[in-house]
Structure formats: structure tokens, C-alpha cells
Amino acid sequence: MSTLIPENLAAAQKAQLDALFGLSKQAFEGAEKLLQLNVQVLKSTIEETQTRAQQALSVQDPRELLALQANAAQPFAEKTAAFGRELYQIISQTQAGFAHAFEEQAQAQRERTEEILDNVARNAPAGSETAVAAVKSAINASNAAYDSARKAAKQALEITENNLQAVTAAAVKTTQTSPPADGSAY
């Protein structure tokens, strides 16, 4: 048993270091995607603002200006909803990557713990079977609790995603009303 401890410790440290760098890479990739999305939205917003300002300056009739403003609402709402969906997707992908890495680490830790307990059980003095069984039972109970919490968190995430999609669809549908044909205010 004593010869396995330094090897196990070194393997565990290497696995932890690999996991740390993997998580750092995922976090950086998520931040990079978020930055790209924000730059894209900013560039598009500047271009659209310039176009709308030029259109507003060329308007002769106040009704045309009101119609121009009314026509801008729906594309704005749709772009806002699209931004929200893309933002949510980036966050979800990054979170899923983190969850997967944590899941792998938890599974590896469970396997190491079981290996250590099996080794302890093989080398334990006679009569300690009850204590080893109690420790194994406690570990199995904590693993079951962890699995239940993970499943509940996954369900909560799915519910949140469905609610976000419903709210986004309702917001876009609300802005899809067209202005009156005579150009008057609503």
C-alpha cells in the first residue's frame, strides 16, 4: 500500500492540473465568444443607428418620422432576442463544458476512493469489516445525494431554458404589430 500512495498522489495531481488547464481553456473560449458577440452587436448597432439617423434627417412629414420609428421597433426586438439567445447559448456551452469536466473529476475521485477503500479493506485487521462497510455505505449515500442534486440542477436548467424561449417568442410576437396604414400614431 505504501508504494502506491506516491504514485496515486502524483497521478491525482497530474489529473487535477490537467483539469485546471482544461477549465481555464474553456473559460477563455467562452469569454472570447462573448467578446466577439459584443463586438458584432456594437458594430451592427452603430451601422443601424447611422442609417436610421440619415433616414430621420431626410423625412419631411412628422407622420413619416412616426412610421419610421414604429418600423424600427420590430427589428430591434428581434435583434435583442437573437442576442439573448446567442448569449444564452455561449453561457450554456461554457457551463456544459464545466459541468462535464466536474463530472469527470467526480467520477475519477469516486474511483480513486473506491480503490483506496478496497485496498484498506484487503489490508485491514480482522474485525474491521463493519467499519469499512460503514465508510463504503456513507460514500455510496453521498454519491447518491450528489447524483440527485445533479439531476435536479439539470431539470432546473431545462425549465429555465424553456421559459427563456417562451419569453423571447412572446416579446418578438408583441413587436410584430404593424403601424396603421394612415401613418397615425397607435
Protein backbone atom coordinates (compact mmCIF):
# COMPACT_ATOMS: atom_id res chain seq x y z
CA MET A 1 0.00 0.00 0.00
CA SER A 2 2.76 2.48 0.83
CA THR A 3 4.33 2.19 -2.65
CA LEU A 4 1.00 3.03 -4.29
CA ILE A 5 0.40 6.23 -2.33
CA PRO A 6 3.12 8.37 -4.02
CA GLU A 7 2.10 7.03 -7.44
CA ASN A 8 -1.58 7.71 -6.73
CA LEU A 9 -0.77 11.15 -5.38
CA ALA A 10 1.29 12.05 -8.45
CA ALA A 11 -1.43 10.76 -10.79
CA ALA A 12 -4.10 12.70 -8.88
CA GLN A 13 -2.04 15.90 -9.00
CA LYS A 14 -1.47 15.49 -12.75
CA ALA A 15 -5.19 14.91 -13.30
CA GLN A 16 -6.05 18.00 -11.24
CA LEU A 17 -3.56 20.12 -13.18
CA ASP A 18 -4.93 18.87 -16.50
CA ALA A 19 -8.46 19.64 -15.31
CA LEU A 20 -7.43 23.14 -14.21
CA PHE A 21 -5.89 23.93 -17.59
CA GLY A 22 -8.88 22.42 -19.39
CA LEU A 23 -11.28 24.60 -17.40
CA SER A 24 -9.10 27.66 -17.99
CA LYS A 25 -9.17 26.99 -21.73
CA GLN A 26 -12.97 26.57 -21.71
CA ALA A 27 -13.41 29.79 -19.73
CA PHE A 28 -11.17 31.68 -22.15
CA GLU A 29 -13.03 30.29 -25.17
CA GLY A 30 -16.36 31.34 -23.63
CA ALA A 31 -15.03 34.83 -22.92
CA GLU A 32 -13.68 35.07 -26.46
CA LYS A 33 -17.08 34.10 -27.94
CA LEU A 34 -18.78 36.64 -25.70
CA LEU A 35 -16.35 39.35 -26.80
CA GLN A 36 -16.92 38.51 -30.46
CA LEU A 37 -20.69 38.65 -29.97
CA ASN A 38 -20.48 42.03 -28.25
CA VAL A 39 -18.21 43.46 -30.97
CA GLN A 40 -20.58 42.18 -33.65
CA VAL A 41 -23.61 43.71 -31.89
CA LEU A 42 -21.81 47.02 -31.34
CA LYS A 43 -20.73 47.24 -34.96
CA SER A 44 -24.22 46.41 -36.19
CA THR A 45 -25.80 48.92 -33.79
CA ILE A 46 -23.52 51.72 -34.96
CA GLU A 47 -24.28 50.98 -38.61
CA GLU A 48 -28.04 50.82 -37.98
CA THR A 49 -28.01 53.99 -35.89
CA GLN A 50 -26.24 55.83 -38.69
CA THR A 51 -28.76 54.56 -41.25
CA ARG A 52 -31.75 55.47 -39.06
CA ALA A 53 -30.32 58.93 -38.34
CA GLN A 54 -29.85 59.59 -42.05
CA GLN A 55 -33.38 58.41 -42.75
CA ALA A 56 -34.78 60.59 -39.96
CA LEU A 57 -32.96 63.64 -41.30
CA SER A 58 -34.42 63.12 -44.76
CA VAL A 59 -38.02 62.89 -43.51
CA GLN A 60 -40.27 65.80 -44.48
CA ASP A 61 -43.51 64.83 -42.73
CA PRO A 62 -43.88 64.08 -38.97
CA ARG A 63 -46.07 61.09 -39.83
CA GLU A 64 -43.24 59.59 -41.83
CA LEU A 65 -41.00 60.03 -38.81
CA LEU A 66 -43.52 58.23 -36.59
CA ALA A 67 -43.82 55.42 -39.14
CA LEU A 68 -40.03 55.19 -39.33
CA GLN A 69 -39.81 54.89 -35.55
CA ALA A 70 -42.60 52.30 -35.44
CA ASN A 71 -40.92 50.23 -38.13
CA ALA A 72 -37.68 50.21 -36.14
CA ALA A 73 -39.26 48.55 -33.09
CA GLN A 74 -39.72 45.05 -34.51
CA PRO A 75 -36.18 44.61 -35.89
CA PHE A 76 -34.81 45.94 -32.61
CA ALA A 77 -36.85 43.43 -30.60
CA GLU A 78 -35.85 40.57 -32.90
CA LYS A 79 -32.16 41.51 -32.68
CA THR A 80 -32.39 41.82 -28.92
CA ALA A 81 -33.98 38.38 -28.75
CA ALA A 82 -31.30 36.96 -31.07
CA PHE A 83 -28.59 38.50 -28.89
CA GLY A 84 -30.19 36.95 -25.81
CA ARG A 85 -30.34 33.54 -27.49
CA GLU A 86 -26.70 33.71 -28.60
CA LEU A 87 -25.62 34.93 -25.17
CA TYR A 88 -27.55 32.11 -23.53
CA GLN A 89 -26.01 29.60 -25.94
CA ILE A 90 -22.47 30.79 -25.15
CA ILE A 91 -23.14 30.62 -21.43
CA SER A 92 -24.82 27.21 -21.75
CA GLN A 93 -21.96 25.76 -23.78
CA THR A 94 -19.39 27.06 -21.34
CA GLN A 95 -21.40 25.82 -18.38
CA ALA A 96 -21.88 22.42 -20.04
CA GLY A 97 -18.14 22.15 -20.58
CA PHE A 98 -17.52 22.97 -16.92
CA ALA A 99 -20.19 20.51 -15.80
CA HIS A 100 -18.68 17.78 -17.96
CA ALA A 101 -15.21 18.44 -16.53
CA PHE A 102 -16.55 18.42 -12.97
CA GLU A 103 -18.45 15.23 -13.70
CA GLU A 104 -15.29 13.57 -14.98
CA GLN A 105 -13.38 14.73 -11.90
CA ALA A 106 -16.11 13.49 -9.58
CA GLN A 107 -16.15 10.10 -11.29
CA ALA A 108 -12.35 9.84 -11.11
CA GLN A 109 -12.46 10.80 -7.43
CA ARG A 110 -15.12 8.15 -6.77
CA GLU A 111 -12.97 5.53 -8.49
CA ARG A 112 -9.86 6.57 -6.50
CA THR A 113 -11.84 6.49 -3.27
CA GLU A 114 -13.23 3.03 -4.05
CA GLU A 115 -9.73 1.81 -4.91
CA ILE A 116 -8.34 3.16 -1.64
CA LEU A 117 -11.21 1.64 0.35
CA ASP A 118 -10.76 -1.73 -1.35
CA ASN A 119 -7.04 -1.57 -0.59
CA VAL A 120 -7.76 -0.64 3.04
CA ALA A 121 -10.32 -3.48 3.30
CA ARG A 122 -7.79 -6.01 1.99
CA ASN A 123 -5.10 -4.85 4.42
CA ALA A 124 -7.33 -4.09 7.41
CA PRO A 125 -7.04 -6.20 10.53
CA ALA A 126 -9.65 -8.83 11.19
CA GLY A 127 -12.87 -7.50 12.70
CA SER A 128 -12.75 -4.13 10.91
CA GLU A 129 -15.12 -5.22 8.16
CA THR A 130 -18.02 -3.40 9.83
CA ALA A 131 -16.14 -0.09 9.90
CA VAL A 132 -15.08 -0.44 6.25
CA ALA A 133 -18.67 -1.32 5.27
CA ALA A 134 -19.96 1.75 7.15
CA VAL A 135 -17.49 4.02 5.33
CA LYS A 136 -18.44 2.48 1.97
CA SER A 137 -22.12 2.95 2.81
CA ALA A 138 -21.57 6.60 3.70
CA ILE A 139 -19.67 7.19 0.45
CA ASN A 140 -22.40 5.48 -1.57
CA ALA A 141 -25.03 7.65 0.15
CA SER A 142 -23.08 10.83 -0.63
CA ASN A 143 -22.69 9.72 -4.27
CA ALA A 144 -26.45 9.11 -4.48
CA ALA A 145 -27.14 12.56 -3.00
CA TYR A 146 -24.74 14.13 -5.49
CA ASP A 147 -26.45 12.36 -8.40
CA SER A 148 -29.87 13.54 -7.18
CA ALA A 149 -28.65 17.13 -6.89
CA ARG A 150 -27.07 16.96 -10.36
CA LYS A 151 -30.33 15.67 -11.87
CA ALA A 152 -32.34 18.40 -10.12
CA ALA A 153 -29.95 21.08 -11.37
CA LYS A 154 -30.22 19.71 -14.91
CA GLN A 155 -34.03 19.82 -14.73
CA ALA A 156 -33.94 23.39 -13.40
CA LEU A 157 -31.66 24.39 -16.27
CA GLU A 158 -34.04 22.83 -18.81
CA ILE A 159 -37.02 24.63 -17.25
CA THR A 160 -35.12 27.93 -17.33
CA GLU A 161 -34.20 27.39 -20.98
CA ASN A 162 -37.83 26.64 -21.91
CA ASN A 163 -39.03 29.74 -20.03
CA LEU A 164 -36.43 31.90 -21.76
CA GLN A 165 -37.55 30.64 -25.16
CA ALA A 166 -41.20 31.32 -24.32
CA VAL A 167 -40.47 34.86 -23.08
CA THR A 168 -38.35 35.59 -26.17
CA ALA A 169 -41.07 34.33 -28.51
CA ALA A 170 -43.69 36.42 -26.71
CA ALA A 171 -41.54 39.55 -26.86
CA VAL A 172 -40.92 39.15 -30.59
CA LYS A 173 -44.61 38.44 -31.22
CA THR A 174 -45.60 41.57 -29.29
CA THR A 175 -43.45 43.78 -31.52
CA GLN A 176 -44.77 42.26 -34.73
CA THR A 177 -47.77 44.57 -34.81
CA SER A 178 -47.61 46.87 -37.80
CA PRO A 179 -48.36 50.60 -37.70
CA PRO A 180 -51.74 51.81 -39.01
CA ALA A 181 -51.88 52.32 -42.78
CA ASP A 182 -52.71 56.01 -42.45
CA GLY A 183 -49.43 56.65 -40.59
CA SER A 184 -51.18 57.88 -37.46
CA ALA A 185 -49.96 57.05 -34.00
CA TYR A 186 -51.19 53.86 -32.34
